[in-house]
Protein backbone atom coordinates (compact mmCIF):
# COMPACT_ATOMS: atom_id res chain seq x y z
CA MET A 1 57.61 64.24 87.98
CA LYS A 2 60.21 64.68 90.70
CA ILE A 3 58.02 67.21 92.51
CA TYR A 4 55.24 64.62 92.90
CA TRP A 5 57.63 62.18 94.51
CA LEU A 6 58.77 64.89 96.91
CA ILE A 7 55.17 65.63 97.86
CA ILE A 8 54.43 61.93 98.40
CA LEU A 9 57.59 61.55 100.50
CA PHE A 10 56.71 64.62 102.54
CA PHE A 11 53.25 63.34 103.47
CA SER A 12 54.45 59.76 104.04
CA PHE A 13 55.92 60.79 107.37
CA ASN A 14 53.87 60.08 110.46
CA TYR A 15 52.82 63.61 111.41
CA THR A 16 51.48 64.04 114.93
CA SER A 17 51.35 67.12 117.06
CA ALA A 18 54.41 67.20 119.31
CA GLN A 19 53.88 70.31 121.41
CA ASN A 20 52.73 73.87 121.30
CA GLY A 21 52.92 76.72 123.74
CA PHE A 22 54.08 80.23 124.48
CA LYS A 23 57.49 81.74 125.13
CA ILE A 24 58.78 85.01 126.48
CA GLY A 25 62.32 86.27 126.53
CA LEU A 26 65.01 88.78 125.76
CA ASN A 27 66.82 89.77 122.57
CA ILE A 28 70.45 90.92 122.62
CA SER A 29 71.02 92.43 119.18
CA ASP A 30 73.56 94.52 117.30
CA TYR A 31 74.47 95.74 113.84
CA ILE A 32 76.78 93.82 111.55
CA ILE A 33 78.31 96.58 109.42
CA ASN A 34 80.27 95.61 106.30
CA GLU A 35 81.81 99.00 105.67
CA THR A 36 84.32 101.39 107.25
CA THR A 37 81.62 104.00 108.02
CA PHE A 38 81.51 102.55 111.53
CA ASN A 39 84.15 100.56 113.32
CA GLY A 40 83.67 97.87 115.93
CA SER A 41 84.14 100.28 118.84
CA ASN A 42 81.23 102.63 118.16
CA HIS A 43 78.19 100.40 118.06
CA GLU A 44 76.99 98.19 120.89
CA SER A 45 74.27 95.65 121.59
CA ILE A 46 70.88 96.62 122.96
CA PHE A 47 68.22 94.59 124.79
CA GLY A 48 64.66 94.10 123.58
CA PRO A 49 61.60 91.94 124.37
CA TYR A 50 60.65 88.71 122.61
CA LEU A 51 57.18 87.16 122.79
CA GLY A 52 55.94 84.23 120.74
CA TYR A 53 53.78 81.16 120.15
CA PHE A 54 55.27 77.87 118.92
CA ASN A 55 53.85 74.69 117.40
CA ASP A 56 55.84 71.53 116.60
CA TRP A 57 54.89 68.55 114.43
CA ASN A 58 56.66 65.21 114.72
CA LEU A 59 58.38 63.79 111.66
CA ASN A 60 59.39 60.48 113.15
CA GLY A 61 60.36 58.93 116.45
CA LYS A 62 61.68 55.83 118.13
CA SER A 63 59.24 53.39 119.61
CA ASN A 64 60.53 54.20 123.09
CA GLY A 65 60.02 57.92 122.51
CA GLU A 66 63.62 58.82 123.36
CA SER A 67 64.37 60.85 120.26
CA TYR A 68 62.60 62.28 117.24
CA PHE A 69 62.69 65.03 114.64
CA SER A 70 59.99 67.64 114.32
CA LEU A 71 59.06 70.67 112.26
CA GLY A 72 58.67 73.81 114.32
CA TYR A 73 56.63 76.87 113.37
CA GLU A 74 56.40 80.05 115.40
CA ILE A 75 54.92 83.52 115.30
CA CYS A 76 56.48 86.15 117.50
CA ILE A 77 57.08 89.82 118.19
CA SER A 78 60.80 90.52 118.27
CA ALA A 79 62.55 93.82 119.11
CA LYS A 80 66.05 94.37 117.70
CA GLY A 81 68.49 97.20 117.07
CA SER A 82 71.83 98.72 117.99
CA LEU A 83 73.34 101.51 120.09
CA LEU A 84 75.48 103.90 118.06
CA LYS A 85 78.18 105.55 120.20
CA ASP A 86 79.33 109.10 119.38
CA PHE A 87 76.96 109.27 116.43
CA ILE A 88 77.68 112.45 114.41
CA THR A 89 74.80 114.57 113.09
CA TYR A 90 75.63 117.13 110.41
CA SER A 91 73.83 120.37 109.67
CA GLU A 92 71.32 120.25 106.80
CA VAL A 93 72.25 123.83 105.87
CA THR A 94 76.02 123.37 106.08
CA PRO A 95 76.74 119.64 105.51
CA SER A 96 80.30 119.91 106.87
CA GLU A 97 79.13 121.45 110.16
CA ILE A 98 78.62 119.02 113.07
CA THR A 99 75.32 119.68 114.85
CA ASP A 100 75.56 117.05 117.56
CA THR A 101 77.58 114.10 118.82
CA SER A 102 75.31 111.66 120.59
CA ASP A 103 74.60 108.13 121.73
CA VAL A 104 71.69 106.99 119.56
CA LYS A 105 69.60 103.84 119.95
CA LYS A 106 68.11 102.49 116.72
CA PHE A 107 65.25 100.05 117.32
CA PHE A 108 63.15 97.79 115.08
CA TYR A 109 60.04 95.78 116.02
CA TYR A 110 59.35 92.76 113.81
CA ILE A 111 56.63 90.18 113.43
CA GLU A 112 58.69 87.04 112.82
CA LEU A 113 57.76 83.63 111.43
CA PRO A 114 60.53 81.14 112.28
CA HIS A 115 60.37 77.74 110.54
CA LEU A 116 62.71 75.15 111.98
CA VAL A 117 63.80 71.53 111.93
CA LYS A 118 64.20 70.30 115.49
CA PHE A 119 65.90 67.31 117.07
CA HIS A 120 64.76 66.11 120.50
CA TYR A 121 66.54 63.68 122.80
CA ALA A 122 65.31 62.53 126.20
CA LEU A 123 68.08 62.75 128.81
CA THR A 124 65.82 61.55 131.63
CA ASP A 125 62.10 61.01 132.11
CA ARG A 126 61.70 64.71 132.85
CA VAL A 127 64.55 66.37 130.94
CA LYS A 128 64.77 66.59 127.16
CA LEU A 129 67.40 68.21 124.93
CA GLU A 130 66.24 70.21 121.91
CA MET A 131 68.31 71.51 118.98
CA ASP A 132 66.85 73.56 116.14
CA VAL A 133 68.04 75.03 112.84
CA GLY A 134 66.23 76.86 110.07
CA GLY A 135 65.18 80.34 109.03
CA ALA A 136 62.76 83.16 109.81
CA PHE A 137 60.73 85.60 107.71
CA SER A 138 60.37 89.00 109.40
CA LEU A 139 58.09 91.98 108.72
CA LEU A 140 59.16 95.34 110.14
CA VAL A 141 56.13 96.98 111.79
CA LEU A 142 57.72 99.73 113.89
CA TYR A 143 61.09 101.44 113.90
CA GLY A 144 62.66 104.53 115.38
CA THR A 145 65.48 106.42 116.99
CA LYS A 146 66.06 107.49 120.58
CA THR A 147 68.82 109.88 121.64
CA LEU A 148 70.25 108.71 124.98
CA GLU A 149 73.01 111.26 125.46
CA HIS A 150 74.10 114.17 123.29
CA SER A 151 76.51 117.09 123.33
CA ASN A 152 73.98 119.62 122.04
CA PRO A 153 71.12 120.05 124.58
CA ASN A 154 68.92 121.66 121.90
CA TYR A 155 69.08 118.67 119.58
CA SER A 156 67.10 115.45 119.84
CA ARG A 157 66.57 112.45 117.53
CA ASN A 158 63.57 110.81 119.18
CA GLU A 159 61.34 109.26 116.52
CA THR A 160 58.94 106.33 116.32
CA ASN A 161 57.44 105.34 112.96
CA PHE A 162 55.10 102.59 111.80
CA PHE A 163 55.81 100.74 108.57
CA PHE A 164 52.70 102.14 106.86
CA VAL A 165 54.05 105.72 107.29
CA PRO A 166 57.38 105.21 105.50
CA ASN A 167 57.86 108.90 104.64
CA LEU A 168 58.82 109.76 108.23
CA GLY A 169 62.25 109.39 109.80
CA GLU A 170 65.26 107.57 108.41
CA ILE A 171 63.67 104.94 106.19
CA PRO A 172 65.12 101.41 106.44
CA THR A 173 66.42 99.82 103.26
CA SER A 174 63.96 96.94 103.55
CA PHE A 175 60.82 96.25 105.59
CA ILE A 176 61.17 92.49 105.05
CA ASP A 177 64.05 90.43 106.41
CA TYR A 178 65.05 86.79 106.19
CA SER A 179 67.34 85.28 108.81
CA LEU A 180 69.26 82.09 109.47
CA VAL A 181 68.45 80.57 112.86
CA GLY A 182 70.18 78.07 115.15
CA GLY A 183 69.39 77.21 118.75
CA LEU A 184 69.69 74.89 121.72
CA GLY A 185 67.17 74.26 124.48
CA ILE A 186 66.31 72.14 127.49
CA TYR A 187 62.82 70.93 128.38
CA TYR A 188 62.09 70.26 132.03
CA ASP A 189 58.63 68.69 132.00
CA ASP A 190 56.54 71.35 130.21
CA ILE A 191 58.99 74.23 130.69
CA LEU A 192 61.48 75.12 127.96
CA PHE A 193 64.72 77.07 128.36
CA ASN A 194 66.14 78.09 124.99
CA VAL A 195 69.03 80.10 123.54
CA ARG A 196 68.95 80.97 119.85
CA TYR A 197 71.20 82.90 117.47
CA THR A 198 69.79 84.72 114.44
CA THR A 199 71.72 86.47 111.68
CA GLY A 200 69.89 88.62 109.15
CA LEU A 201 70.52 88.20 105.43
CA VAL A 202 68.78 91.39 104.28
CA GLN A 203 70.26 94.85 104.83
CA VAL A 204 68.23 96.98 107.24
CA TYR A 205 70.34 99.96 106.15
CA THR A 206 73.05 100.12 103.48
CA ASN A 207 75.77 97.54 104.24
CA THR A 208 74.10 96.87 107.60
CA THR A 209 72.38 93.71 108.86
CA LEU A 210 71.25 92.58 112.31
CA SER A 211 72.47 89.73 114.51
CA THR A 212 70.51 88.62 117.56
CA LEU A 213 70.99 86.33 120.55
CA THR A 214 67.62 85.36 122.02
CA LEU A 215 67.11 83.92 125.51
CA THR A 216 63.61 82.58 126.19
CA VAL A 217 61.53 80.65 128.70
CA GLY A 218 58.55 78.77 127.28
CA TYR A 219 55.63 76.70 128.53
CA LYS A 220 54.09 73.80 126.63
CA ILE A 221 50.28 73.73 126.73
């Protein structure tokens, strides 16, 4: 019986389309490693593109339009990863023999579906503050490795693999991720400037998750 009351309460809100549009930006991402295999000095952040579409629906608002809550839904392409410094590669024939010491970039391209609760507050007639919190489902569609610098000139770790060919390369632990999301933005007329932090809850490799700082510019259509 409780579920019916929740459904009635959900649809009792005055839903109206708030805004929708496109955004483009930059990801700054890195591994969060919960093990002593790596230490904090030998993995660094990398930069990747972010491209998305957003759609918000009002939950409620003041009669003067100064503030309201909304539900935000997005679909985006998001590139993440990490740079591993002095990454050691061992021989497959003699496991104790070091084949190469290199700087290796690990990259992951996701299709992400953020779902957010947003709070908007009008600072002036043209400037509006936006805060959002929620989560994001992510599907890994492409991943790979790129060797940037290595001690052995005859060794390379350049690979790019799509998710539907999982038998190639170093296979991630999971092709689906779920993340916690929090962000802050400023609307100036129809232009949005936003900064958002995302922390993954699913391990991309053993004892390894991803954290991402995303900087975007959007336009409301």
